[in-house]
């Protein structure tokens, strides 16, 4: 692409019907509007309150078993069927607090 010289500076020709300053000003304004709209539309994650349970970010499988009064094979079945998502850290299996809350209160997610 050819570059034009005006006032000793190299200028790349614009193929828009706008002056470069006006074009960039409108682009900045569009970006500002989109960022503001994205901030307004940011989904708010629901908060759950479960009496008697203290908040911990991760729970071990034995803690989840005690919480639901079920055995480890039952928890593994829930993982297999997609009812509960597990996270493996090294050789241990952990569960997120929010995932446990989703299992306790499925009607809130609808």
Protein backbone atom coordinates (compact mmCIF):
# COMPACT_ATOMS: atom_id res chain seq x y z
CA UNK A 1 0.00 0.00 0.00
CA UNK A 2 1.35 3.38 -0.89
CA UNK A 3 1.97 5.88 1.85
CA UNK A 4 1.50 9.58 1.32
CA UNK A 5 3.82 12.21 2.72
CA UNK A 6 2.20 15.29 4.21
CA UNK A 7 4.18 17.74 6.32
CA UNK A 8 7.14 15.37 6.38
CA UNK A 9 5.17 12.57 8.15
CA UNK A 10 4.18 9.28 6.60
CA UNK A 11 0.42 8.94 6.45
CA UNK A 12 -1.45 5.78 5.50
CA UNK A 13 -4.53 6.62 3.43
CA UNK A 14 -7.90 5.82 5.06
CA UNK A 15 -10.58 4.23 2.94
CA UNK A 16 -13.45 5.58 5.05
CA UNK A 17 -15.60 8.64 4.44
CA UNK A 18 -14.41 10.10 7.77
CA UNK A 19 -11.44 12.07 8.89
CA UNK A 20 -9.08 9.85 10.92
CA UNK A 21 -9.67 11.83 14.14
CA UNK A 22 -13.44 11.57 13.74
CA UNK A 23 -13.20 7.85 12.93
CA UNK A 24 -11.10 7.04 16.01
CA UNK A 25 -13.32 9.19 18.22
CA UNK A 26 -16.41 7.24 17.10
CA UNK A 27 -14.60 3.91 17.61
CA UNK A 28 -13.64 4.92 21.17
CA UNK A 29 -17.23 5.92 21.89
CA UNK A 30 -18.55 2.58 20.59
CA UNK A 31 -16.05 0.70 22.76
CA UNK A 32 -17.04 2.74 25.85
CA UNK A 33 -20.72 1.97 25.23
CA UNK A 34 -20.03 -1.75 24.84
CA UNK A 35 -17.92 -1.89 28.00
CA UNK A 36 -20.62 -0.06 29.97
CA UNK A 37 -23.32 -2.40 28.61
CA UNK A 38 -21.22 -5.45 29.45
CA UNK A 39 -20.77 -4.23 33.04
CA UNK A 40 -24.51 -3.70 33.41
CA UNK A 41 -25.34 -7.15 32.00
CA UNK A 42 -22.77 -9.03 34.10
CA UNK A 43 -24.60 -12.00 35.65
CA UNK A 44 -24.79 -11.97 39.40
CA UNK A 45 -24.04 -15.36 40.91
CA UNK A 46 -26.73 -16.41 43.36
CA UNK A 47 -25.84 -16.69 47.01
CA UNK A 48 -27.18 -19.56 49.00
CA UNK A 49 -27.70 -19.78 52.70
CA UNK A 50 -27.77 -23.15 54.36
CA UNK A 51 -28.32 -23.08 58.11
CA UNK A 52 -25.77 -25.09 60.04
CA UNK A 53 -23.19 -25.23 57.25
CA UNK A 54 -20.10 -23.08 57.44
CA UNK A 55 -18.62 -21.76 54.22
CA UNK A 56 -15.55 -23.55 52.96
CA UNK A 57 -14.41 -23.27 49.35
CA UNK A 58 -13.61 -26.98 49.01
CA UNK A 59 -15.06 -30.07 50.64
CA UNK A 60 -13.52 -33.53 50.83
CA UNK A 61 -15.54 -36.54 49.76
CA UNK A 62 -15.94 -37.71 53.36
CA UNK A 63 -17.39 -34.31 54.32
CA UNK A 64 -19.86 -34.47 51.44
CA UNK A 65 -20.82 -38.03 52.45
CA UNK A 66 -21.49 -36.88 56.00
CA UNK A 67 -23.45 -33.85 54.76
CA UNK A 68 -25.84 -35.95 52.66
CA UNK A 69 -25.71 -39.11 54.85
CA UNK A 70 -24.66 -41.25 51.88
CA UNK A 71 -21.73 -43.53 51.09
CA UNK A 72 -18.76 -42.87 48.80
CA UNK A 73 -20.15 -45.09 46.01
CA UNK A 74 -23.29 -42.93 45.99
CA UNK A 75 -21.18 -39.79 45.59
CA UNK A 76 -19.26 -41.43 42.75
CA UNK A 77 -22.60 -42.29 41.09
CA UNK A 78 -23.67 -38.67 41.38
CA UNK A 79 -20.40 -37.64 39.72
CA UNK A 80 -20.90 -40.22 36.97
CA UNK A 81 -24.47 -39.03 36.29
CA UNK A 82 -23.52 -35.34 36.35
CA UNK A 83 -25.38 -34.38 39.52
CA UNK A 84 -22.17 -33.27 41.25
CA UNK A 85 -18.91 -32.04 39.73
CA UNK A 86 -15.67 -33.18 41.30
CA UNK A 87 -12.22 -31.63 41.17
CA UNK A 88 -9.14 -33.75 41.55
CA UNK A 89 -6.09 -32.22 43.20
CA UNK A 90 -3.21 -34.65 43.15
CA UNK A 91 -4.80 -37.89 44.35
CA UNK A 92 -7.65 -36.31 46.33
CA UNK A 93 -11.20 -35.55 45.20
CA UNK A 94 -12.77 -32.25 46.23
CA UNK A 95 -16.10 -30.53 45.65
CA UNK A 96 -16.87 -26.83 45.38
CA UNK A 97 -19.20 -25.22 47.89
CA UNK A 98 -21.38 -23.74 45.10
CA UNK A 99 -21.80 -27.17 43.47
CA UNK A 100 -22.98 -28.63 46.77
CA UNK A 101 -25.41 -25.73 47.17
CA UNK A 102 -26.78 -26.37 43.65
CA UNK A 103 -27.41 -29.97 44.65
CA UNK A 104 -29.11 -28.91 47.88
CA UNK A 105 -31.29 -26.23 46.24
CA UNK A 106 -31.95 -27.20 42.60
CA UNK A 107 -35.10 -25.04 42.38
CA UNK A 108 -33.02 -21.83 42.65
CA UNK A 109 -31.13 -22.54 39.40
CA UNK A 110 -34.21 -22.63 37.21
